[in-house]
Amino acid sequence: MNNFLFSNRYNLAVFGLLNIACAMCIGLVIARVAYSESDRHTGLIWNLFLAWIPFILAYLAHAISWRRITLYIIIPVIAVLWLFFFPNAPYMLTDLQDLARFSSDAPLWYDVIIVVWCSWTGMLLGIISLHLMQDIVRRAFGKIAAWLFVFAIIPLSSFGMYVGRFVRLNSWDILQNPAETAMSILGLVIDPSRRLAAFILLYTIFYLFVYLLLYSFSHMLVEHSLESHAAPEQPATTQPNHARR
């Protein structure tokens, strides 16, 4: 048991910290409701729940043992569901625009920490789930395919964020009303607006920048750890013996 905890200490730490972050976000929202008797920002709790869905799906797909039935049936099904729900994680970045609506029932700085903490937590859930799915693609098809997967998913998620923010469609609509949802999305694709193009471009660049930065930073830490273990220990320096007077 101790060996399992030690070998998985970083995975457990990430999972625990994400849970703590969500608990803090929920606590901040509840405190605001109690203070102001207003339900503003309560929707962030639902958005956090939706952001956890792609994380859980990616974790399950990554943890499944690679057998024929899982590789060709179970993992693809989970991957499709993950793709439907993945935009919910970075979508919380768009909740920052709610700060533009002035509210006198609570201090602005308090609303800032609520929205920023919730959006940052959602973004991290999305980044981790994307990394897990990238690793699945890497193991199945190689590194090039894995990075092509990343560069394709992030623009798609930006498009999904736009649909959720401005068309007011969500992942449940795809499952409940697939035909109507498909027609709405097809209309955007056939006749895209400048706002749609600018939104997808800017959010894709931003999310890709954050993902590449965290990816590079994590691998930098691994390389430094390997170098420190591979470096030979320096012998302790000894002072020369002088003749005692």
C-alpha atoms as a PDB file:
ATOM      1  CA  MET A   1       0.000   0.000   0.000  1.00  0.00           C
ATOM      2  CA  ASN A   2       2.788   2.405   0.912  1.00  0.00           C
ATOM      3  CA  ASN A   3       4.632   1.567  -2.311  1.00  0.00           C
ATOM      4  CA  PHE A   4       1.475   2.263  -4.327  1.00  0.00           C
ATOM      5  CA  LEU A   5       0.944   5.628  -2.631  1.00  0.00           C
ATOM      6  CA  PHE A   6       4.589   6.600  -3.109  1.00  0.00           C
ATOM      7  CA  SER A   7       4.725   5.599  -6.779  1.00  0.00           C
ATOM      8  CA  ASN A   8       1.488   7.462  -7.515  1.00  0.00           C
ATOM      9  CA  ARG A   9       2.095  10.416  -5.198  1.00  0.00           C
ATOM     10  CA  TYR A  10       2.078  13.012  -7.969  1.00  0.00           C
ATOM     11  CA  ASN A  11      -1.087  11.650  -9.580  1.00  0.00           C
ATOM     12  CA  LEU A  12      -2.801  11.640  -6.196  1.00  0.00           C
ATOM     13  CA  ALA A  13      -1.518  15.152  -5.483  1.00  0.00           C
ATOM     14  CA  VAL A  14      -2.935  16.497  -8.763  1.00  0.00           C
ATOM     15  CA  PHE A  15      -6.283  14.804  -8.153  1.00  0.00           C
ATOM     16  CA  GLY A  16      -6.388  16.049  -4.564  1.00  0.00           C
ATOM     17  CA  LEU A  17      -5.446  19.616  -5.472  1.00  0.00           C
ATOM     18  CA  LEU A  18      -8.116  19.740  -8.175  1.00  0.00           C
ATOM     19  CA  ASN A  19     -10.699  18.577  -5.662  1.00  0.00           C
ATOM     20  CA  ILE A  20      -9.520  21.185  -3.171  1.00  0.00           C
ATOM     21  CA  ALA A  21      -9.749  23.865  -5.855  1.00  0.00           C
ATOM     22  CA  CYS A  22     -13.316  22.843  -6.683  1.00  0.00           C
ATOM     23  CA  ALA A  23     -14.234  22.789  -3.005  1.00  0.00           C
ATOM     24  CA  MET A  24     -12.822  26.299  -2.608  1.00  0.00           C
ATOM     25  CA  CYS A  25     -14.748  27.524  -5.661  1.00  0.00           C
ATOM     26  CA  ILE A  26     -17.999  26.064  -4.360  1.00  0.00           C
ATOM     27  CA  GLY A  27     -17.329  27.498  -0.910  1.00  0.00           C
ATOM     28  CA  LEU A  28     -16.685  30.968  -2.346  1.00  0.00           C
ATOM     29  CA  VAL A  29     -19.930  30.863  -4.325  1.00  0.00           C
ATOM     30  CA  ILE A  30     -21.932  29.659  -1.310  1.00  0.00           C
ATOM     31  CA  ALA A  31     -20.416  32.393   0.856  1.00  0.00           C
ATOM     32  CA  ARG A  32     -21.386  34.987  -1.743  1.00  0.00           C
ATOM     33  CA  VAL A  33     -24.946  33.704  -1.860  1.00  0.00           C
ATOM     34  CA  ALA A  34     -25.162  33.859   1.933  1.00  0.00           C
ATOM     35  CA  TYR A  35     -23.682  37.366   2.021  1.00  0.00           C
ATOM     36  CA  SER A  36     -25.624  38.957  -0.827  1.00  0.00           C
ATOM     37  CA  GLU A  37     -28.738  36.761  -0.968  1.00  0.00           C
ATOM     38  CA  SER A  38     -28.142  36.651  -4.714  1.00  0.00           C
ATOM     39  CA  ASP A  39     -27.700  33.606  -6.942  1.00  0.00           C
ATOM     40  CA  ARG A  40     -25.117  35.281  -9.160  1.00  0.00           C
ATOM     41  CA  HIS A  41     -22.226  32.977 -10.156  1.00  0.00           C
ATOM     42  CA  THR A  42     -24.094  29.865  -8.954  1.00  0.00           C
ATOM     43  CA  GLY A  43     -23.943  28.632 -12.551  1.00  0.00           C
ATOM     44  CA  LEU A  44     -20.189  28.263 -12.123  1.00  0.00           C
ATOM     45  CA  ILE A  45     -20.796  25.239  -9.900  1.00  0.00           C
ATOM     46  CA  TRP A  46     -22.653  23.496 -12.730  1.00  0.00           C
ATOM     47  CA  ASN A  47     -19.886  24.477 -15.151  1.00  0.00           C
ATOM     48  CA  LEU A  48     -17.312  22.940 -12.817  1.00  0.00           C
ATOM     49  CA  PHE A  49     -19.300  19.701 -12.793  1.00  0.00           C
ATOM     50  CA  LEU A  50     -19.342  19.688 -16.595  1.00  0.00           C
ATOM     51  CA  ALA A  51     -15.568  20.353 -16.661  1.00  0.00           C
ATOM     52  CA  TRP A  52     -14.996  17.217 -14.573  1.00  0.00           C
ATOM     53  CA  ILE A  53     -16.753  14.973 -17.109  1.00  0.00           C
ATOM     54  CA  PRO A  54     -14.011  15.049 -19.801  1.00  0.00           C
ATOM     55  CA  PHE A  55     -11.374  14.649 -17.081  1.00  0.00           C
ATOM     56  CA  ILE A  56     -13.063  11.496 -15.733  1.00  0.00           C
ATOM     57  CA  LEU A  57     -13.650  10.093 -19.220  1.00  0.00           C
ATOM     58  CA  ALA A  58     -10.018  10.671 -20.213  1.00  0.00           C
ATOM     59  CA  TYR A  59      -8.779   9.098 -16.983  1.00  0.00           C
ATOM     60  CA  LEU A  60     -10.954   6.008 -17.533  1.00  0.00           C
ATOM     61  CA  ALA A  61      -9.781   5.651 -21.138  1.00  0.00           C
ATOM     62  CA  HIS A  62      -6.153   6.041 -20.069  1.00  0.00           C
ATOM     63  CA  ALA A  63      -6.473   3.508 -17.238  1.00  0.00           C
ATOM     64  CA  ILE A  64      -8.195   0.776 -19.258  1.00  0.00           C
ATOM     65  CA  SER A  65      -5.971  -2.188 -20.082  1.00  0.00           C
ATOM     66  CA  TRP A  66      -5.194  -2.439 -23.794  1.00  0.00           C
ATOM     67  CA  ARG A  67      -7.028  -5.454 -25.118  1.00  0.00           C
ATOM     68  CA  ARG A  68      -8.698  -5.924 -28.488  1.00  0.00           C
ATOM     69  CA  ILE A  69     -12.215  -5.083 -27.249  1.00  0.00           C
ATOM     70  CA  THR A  70     -11.068  -1.997 -25.375  1.00  0.00           C
ATOM     71  CA  LEU A  71      -8.825  -0.722 -28.177  1.00  0.00           C
ATOM     72  CA  TYR A  72     -11.445  -0.988 -30.925  1.00  0.00           C
ATOM     73  CA  ILE A  73     -14.751  -0.522 -29.056  1.00  0.00           C
ATOM     74  CA  ILE A  74     -14.604   0.863 -25.519  1.00  0.00           C
ATOM     75  CA  ILE A  75     -11.859   3.487 -25.935  1.00  0.00           C
ATOM     76  CA  PRO A  76     -13.354   4.940 -29.176  1.00  0.00           C
ATOM     77  CA  VAL A  77     -16.772   5.249 -27.491  1.00  0.00           C
ATOM     78  CA  ILE A  78     -15.227   7.015 -24.500  1.00  0.00           C
ATOM     79  CA  ALA A  79     -13.209   9.231 -26.861  1.00  0.00           C
ATOM     80  CA  VAL A  80     -16.366  10.375 -28.693  1.00  0.00           C
ATOM     81  CA  LEU A  81     -18.084  11.212 -25.412  1.00  0.00           C
ATOM     82  CA  TRP A  82     -14.933  13.011 -24.262  1.00  0.00           C
ATOM     83  CA  LEU A  83     -14.932  15.090 -27.460  1.00  0.00           C
ATOM     84  CA  PHE A  84     -18.549  16.137 -26.849  1.00  0.00           C
ATOM     85  CA  PHE A  85     -17.862  17.265 -23.288  1.00  0.00           C
ATOM     86  CA  PHE A  86     -14.293  18.559 -23.610  1.00  0.00           C
ATOM     87  CA  PRO A  87     -15.253  22.159 -24.600  1.00  0.00           C
ATOM     88  CA  ASN A  88     -16.983  22.505 -21.224  1.00  0.00           C
ATOM     89  CA  ALA A  89     -13.577  22.683 -19.513  1.00  0.00           C
ATOM     90  CA  PRO A  90     -12.045  25.652 -21.377  1.00  0.00           C
ATOM     91  CA  TYR A  91     -15.534  27.184 -21.757  1.00  0.00           C
ATOM     92  CA  MET A  92     -15.248  28.559 -18.246  1.00  0.00           C
ATOM     93  CA  LEU A  93     -12.722  31.079 -19.546  1.00  0.00           C
ATOM     94  CA  THR A  94     -15.628  32.886 -21.196  1.00  0.00           C
ATOM     95  CA  ASP A  95     -17.277  33.298 -17.792  1.00  0.00           C
ATOM     96  CA  LEU A  96     -14.738  36.063 -17.155  1.00  0.00           C
ATOM     97  CA  GLN A  97     -16.865  38.383 -19.244  1.00  0.00           C
ATOM     98  CA  ASP A  98     -19.561  38.202 -16.563  1.00  0.00           C
ATOM     99  CA  LEU A  99     -17.354  40.511 -14.514  1.00  0.00           C
ATOM    100  CA  ALA A 100     -18.275  43.300 -16.927  1.00  0.00           C
ATOM    101  CA  ARG A 101     -21.767  43.305 -15.467  1.00  0.00           C
ATOM    102  CA  PHE A 102     -21.585  45.582 -12.454  1.00  0.00           C
ATOM    103  CA  SER A 103     -23.038  44.261  -9.229  1.00  0.00           C
ATOM    104  CA  SER A 104     -23.249  46.124  -5.946  1.00  0.00           C
ATOM    105  CA  ASP A 105     -24.325  43.178  -3.817  1.00  0.00           C
ATOM    106  CA  ALA A 106     -20.721  41.962  -3.332  1.00  0.00           C
ATOM    107  CA  PRO A 107     -17.229  43.484  -3.707  1.00  0.00           C
ATOM    108  CA  LEU A 108     -15.787  43.314  -7.208  1.00  0.00           C
ATOM    109  CA  TRP A 109     -12.522  41.811  -5.973  1.00  0.00           C
ATOM    110  CA  TYR A 110     -14.498  38.918  -4.487  1.00  0.00           C
ATOM    111  CA  ASP A 111     -16.273  38.270  -7.784  1.00  0.00           C
ATOM    112  CA  VAL A 112     -12.894  38.381  -9.542  1.00  0.00           C
ATOM    113  CA  ILE A 113     -11.380  35.637  -7.365  1.00  0.00           C
ATOM    114  CA  ILE A 114     -14.496  33.474  -7.781  1.00  0.00           C
ATOM    115  CA  VAL A 115     -14.572  33.659 -11.566  1.00  0.00           C
ATOM    116  CA  VAL A 116     -10.790  33.452 -12.032  1.00  0.00           C
ATOM    117  CA  TRP A 117     -10.409  30.479  -9.698  1.00  0.00           C
ATOM    118  CA  CYS A 118     -13.310  28.620 -11.320  1.00  0.00           C
ATOM    119  CA  SER A 119     -12.125  29.314 -14.875  1.00  0.00           C
ATOM    120  CA  TRP A 120      -8.530  28.356 -14.017  1.00  0.00           C
ATOM    121  CA  THR A 121      -9.690  25.099 -12.419  1.00  0.00           C
ATOM    122  CA  GLY A 122     -11.808  24.270 -15.455  1.00  0.00           C
ATOM    123  CA  MET A 123      -8.915  25.022 -17.783  1.00  0.00           C
ATOM    124  CA  LEU A 124      -6.577  22.751 -15.805  1.00  0.00           C
ATOM    125  CA  LEU A 125      -9.128  19.930 -15.885  1.00  0.00           C
ATOM    126  CA  GLY A 126      -9.249  20.332 -19.652  1.00  0.00           C
ATOM    127  CA  ILE A 127      -5.476  20.435 -20.058  1.00  0.00           C
ATOM    128  CA  ILE A 128      -4.954  17.269 -18.018  1.00  0.00           C
ATOM    129  CA  SER A 129      -7.708  15.405 -19.855  1.00  0.00           C
ATOM    130  CA  LEU A 130      -6.250  16.500 -23.208  1.00  0.00           C
ATOM    131  CA  HIS A 131      -2.810  15.300 -22.143  1.00  0.00           C
ATOM    132  CA  LEU A 132      -4.230  11.891 -21.169  1.00  0.00           C
ATOM    133  CA  MET A 133      -5.999  11.553 -24.512  1.00  0.00           C
ATOM    134  CA  GLN A 134      -2.853  12.652 -26.335  1.00  0.00           C
ATOM    135  CA  ASP A 135      -0.922   9.896 -24.569  1.00  0.00           C
ATOM    136  CA  ILE A 136      -3.518   7.337 -25.683  1.00  0.00           C
ATOM    137  CA  VAL A 137      -3.138   8.456 -29.300  1.00  0.00           C
ATOM    138  CA  ARG A 138       0.659   8.416 -28.939  1.00  0.00           C
ATOM    139  CA  ARG A 139       0.674   4.829 -27.699  1.00  0.00           C
ATOM    140  CA  ALA A 140      -1.647   3.729 -30.496  1.00  0.00           C
ATOM    141  CA  PHE A 141      -0.395   5.732 -33.484  1.00  0.00           C
ATOM    142  CA  GLY A 142       2.858   7.493 -32.530  1.00  0.00           C
ATOM    143  CA  LYS A 143       4.052  10.965 -31.541  1.00  0.00           C
ATOM    144  CA  ILE A 144       3.212  12.758 -34.804  1.00  0.00           C
ATOM    145  CA  ALA A 145      -0.392  11.575 -34.731  1.00  0.00           C
ATOM    146  CA  ALA A 146      -0.630  12.543 -31.067  1.00  0.00           C
ATOM    147  CA  TRP A 147       0.407  16.137 -31.750  1.00  0.00           C
ATOM    148  CA  LEU A 148      -1.850  16.340 -34.799  1.00  0.00           C
ATOM    149  CA  PHE A 149      -4.616  15.251 -32.459  1.00  0.00           C
ATOM    150  CA  VAL A 150      -3.829  18.123 -30.084  1.00  0.00           C
ATOM    151  CA  PHE A 151      -3.670  20.702 -32.879  1.00  0.00           C
ATOM    152  CA  ALA A 152      -7.045  19.498 -34.162  1.00  0.00           C
ATOM    153  CA  ILE A 153      -8.856  19.222 -30.820  1.00  0.00           C
ATOM    154  CA  ILE A 154      -8.028  22.706 -29.522  1.00  0.00           C
ATOM    155  CA  PRO A 155      -9.627  24.579 -32.467  1.00  0.00           C
ATOM    156  CA  LEU A 156     -12.637  22.252 -32.243  1.00  0.00           C
ATOM    157  CA  SER A 157     -12.957  23.022 -28.546  1.00  0.00           C
ATOM    158  CA  SER A 158     -12.759  26.749 -29.316  1.00  0.00           C
ATOM    159  CA  PHE A 159     -15.602  26.288 -31.769  1.00  0.00           C
ATOM    160  CA  GLY A 160     -17.539  24.421 -29.079  1.00  0.00           C
ATOM    161  CA  MET A 161     -16.910  27.274 -26.647  1.00  0.00           C
ATOM    162  CA  TYR A 162     -18.340  29.730 -29.177  1.00  0.00           C
ATOM    163  CA  VAL A 163     -21.419  27.560 -29.692  1.00  0.00           C
ATOM    164  CA  GLY A 164     -21.958  27.348 -25.950  1.00  0.00           C
ATOM    165  CA  ARG A 165     -21.455  31.062 -25.283  1.00  0.00           C
ATOM    166  CA  PHE A 166     -23.251  32.676 -28.228  1.00  0.00           C
ATOM    167  CA  VAL A 167     -25.582  30.002 -29.656  1.00  0.00           C
ATOM    168  CA  ARG A 168     -26.404  28.766 -26.138  1.00  0.00           C
ATOM    169  CA  LEU A 169     -26.057  25.097 -27.001  1.00  0.00           C
ATOM    170  CA  ASN A 170     -24.333  22.615 -24.697  1.00  0.00           C
ATOM    171  CA  SER A 171     -23.089  19.045 -24.745  1.00  0.00           C
ATOM    172  CA  TRP A 172     -26.428  17.669 -23.565  1.00  0.00           C
ATOM    173  CA  ASP A 173     -28.147  19.123 -26.635  1.00  0.00           C
ATOM    174  CA  ILE A 174     -25.954  16.960 -28.868  1.00  0.00           C
ATOM    175  CA  LEU A 175     -27.175  13.852 -27.066  1.00  0.00           C
ATOM    176  CA  GLN A 176     -30.818  14.917 -26.635  1.00  0.00           C
ATOM    177  CA  ASN A 177     -31.504  16.727 -29.931  1.00  0.00           C
ATOM    178  CA  PRO A 178     -28.751  15.627 -32.331  1.00  0.00           C
ATOM    179  CA  ALA A 179     -30.583  16.624 -35.546  1.00  0.00           C
ATOM    180  CA  GLU A 180     -31.515  20.140 -34.423  1.00  0.00           C
ATOM    181  CA  THR A 181     -28.095  20.712 -32.881  1.00  0.00           C
ATOM    182  CA  ALA A 182     -26.366  19.506 -36.049  1.00  0.00           C
ATOM    183  CA  MET A 183     -28.408  21.928 -38.176  1.00  0.00           C
ATOM    184  CA  SER A 184     -27.487  24.863 -35.904  1.00  0.00           C
ATOM    185  CA  ILE A 185     -23.808  23.971 -36.034  1.00  0.00           C
ATOM    186  CA  LEU A 186     -23.947  23.399 -39.800  1.00  0.00           C
ATOM    187  CA  GLY A 187     -25.343  26.900 -40.241  1.00  0.00           C
ATOM    188  CA  LEU A 188     -22.327  28.354 -38.438  1.00  0.00           C
ATOM    189  CA  VAL A 189     -19.913  26.332 -40.538  1.00  0.00           C
ATOM    190  CA  ILE A 190     -21.549  27.240 -43.861  1.00  0.00           C
ATOM    191  CA  ASP A 191     -21.829  30.944 -43.082  1.00  0.00           C
ATOM    192  CA  PRO A 192     -19.183  31.832 -40.470  1.00  0.00           C
ATOM    193  CA  SER A 193     -19.062  35.331 -39.054  1.00  0.00           C
ATOM    194  CA  ARG A 194     -16.002  37.455 -38.357  1.00  0.00           C
ATOM    195  CA  ARG A 195     -16.698  37.123 -34.652  1.00  0.00           C
ATOM    196  CA  LEU A 196     -16.660  33.334 -34.965  1.00  0.00           C
ATOM    197  CA  ALA A 197     -13.339  33.362 -36.850  1.00  0.00           C
ATOM    198  CA  ALA A 198     -11.706  35.806 -34.434  1.00  0.00           C
ATOM    199  CA  PHE A 199     -13.004  33.904 -31.398  1.00  0.00           C
ATOM    200  CA  ILE A 200     -11.711  30.541 -32.627  1.00  0.00           C
ATOM    201  CA  LEU A 201      -8.340  31.992 -33.645  1.00  0.00           C
ATOM    202  CA  LEU A 202      -7.642  33.842 -30.405  1.00  0.00           C
ATOM    203  CA  TYR A 203      -8.886  31.164 -28.010  1.00  0.00           C
ATOM    204  CA  THR A 204      -7.027  28.480 -29.963  1.00  0.00           C
ATOM    205  CA  ILE A 205      -3.762  30.420 -29.739  1.00  0.00           C
ATOM    206  CA  PHE A 206      -4.254  31.107 -26.039  1.00  0.00           C
ATOM    207  CA  TYR A 207      -5.215  27.558 -25.054  1.00  0.00           C
ATOM    208  CA  LEU A 208      -2.470  26.062 -27.216  1.00  0.00           C
ATOM    209  CA  PHE A 209       0.062  28.414 -25.622  1.00  0.00           C
ATOM    210  CA  VAL A 210      -0.987  27.371 -22.106  1.00  0.00           C
ATOM    211  CA  TYR A 211      -0.951  23.690 -23.035  1.00  0.00           C
ATOM    212  CA  LEU A 212       2.492  23.823 -24.649  1.00  0.00           C
ATOM    213  CA  LEU A 213       3.886  25.835 -21.754  1.00  0.00           C
ATOM    214  CA  LEU A 214       2.676  23.396 -19.100  1.00  0.00           C
ATOM    215  CA  TYR A 215       3.708  20.422 -21.249  1.00  0.00           C
ATOM    216  CA  SER A 216       7.225  21.818 -21.690  1.00  0.00           C
ATOM    217  CA  PHE A 217       7.501  22.753 -18.022  1.00  0.00           C
ATOM    218  CA  SER A 218       6.507  19.270 -16.842  1.00  0.00           C
ATOM    219  CA  HIS A 219       9.034  17.622 -19.158  1.00  0.00           C
ATOM    220  CA  MET A 220      11.707  20.094 -18.076  1.00  0.00           C
ATOM    221  CA  LEU A 221      11.174  19.009 -14.473  1.00  0.00           C
ATOM    222  CA  VAL A 222      11.433  15.339 -15.487  1.00  0.00           C
ATOM    223  CA  GLU A 223      14.701  15.986 -17.339  1.00  0.00           C
ATOM    224  CA  HIS A 224      16.165  17.852 -14.387  1.00  0.00           C
ATOM    225  CA  SER A 225      15.148  15.008 -12.082  1.00  0.00           C
ATOM    226  CA  LEU A 226      16.807  12.414 -14.334  1.00  0.00           C
ATOM    227  CA  GLU A 227      19.965  14.519 -14.600  1.00  0.00           C
ATOM    228  CA  SER A 228      20.187  14.902 -10.839  1.00  0.00           C
ATOM    229  CA  HIS A 229      19.875  11.139 -10.356  1.00  0.00           C
ATOM    230  CA  ALA A 230      22.388  10.374 -13.100  1.00  0.00           C
ATOM    231  CA  ALA A 231      25.012  12.821 -11.842  1.00  0.00           C
ATOM    232  CA  PRO A 232      27.683  11.135  -9.726  1.00  0.00           C
ATOM    233  CA  GLU A 233      27.911  12.188  -6.142  1.00  0.00           C
ATOM    234  CA  GLN A 234      30.671  14.662  -5.461  1.00  0.00           C
ATOM    235  CA  PRO A 235      33.183  13.394  -2.928  1.00  0.00           C
ATOM    236  CA  ALA A 236      33.326  15.357   0.236  1.00  0.00           C
ATOM    237  CA  THR A 237      36.198  17.812   0.307  1.00  0.00           C
ATOM    238  CA  THR A 238      38.768  17.241   2.994  1.00  0.00           C
ATOM    239  CA  GLN A 239      40.924  19.793   4.540  1.00  0.00           C
ATOM    240  CA  PRO A 240      44.686  19.145   4.271  1.00  0.00           C
ATOM    241  CA  ASN A 241      46.326  17.922   7.422  1.00  0.00           C
ATOM    242  CA  HIS A 242      48.800  20.353   8.783  1.00  0.00           C
ATOM    243  CA  ALA A 243      51.448  19.513  11.254  1.00  0.00           C
ATOM    244  CA  ARG A 244      50.296  20.355  14.734  1.00  0.00           C
ATOM    245  CA  ARG A 245      52.439  22.841  16.490  1.00  0.00           C
END
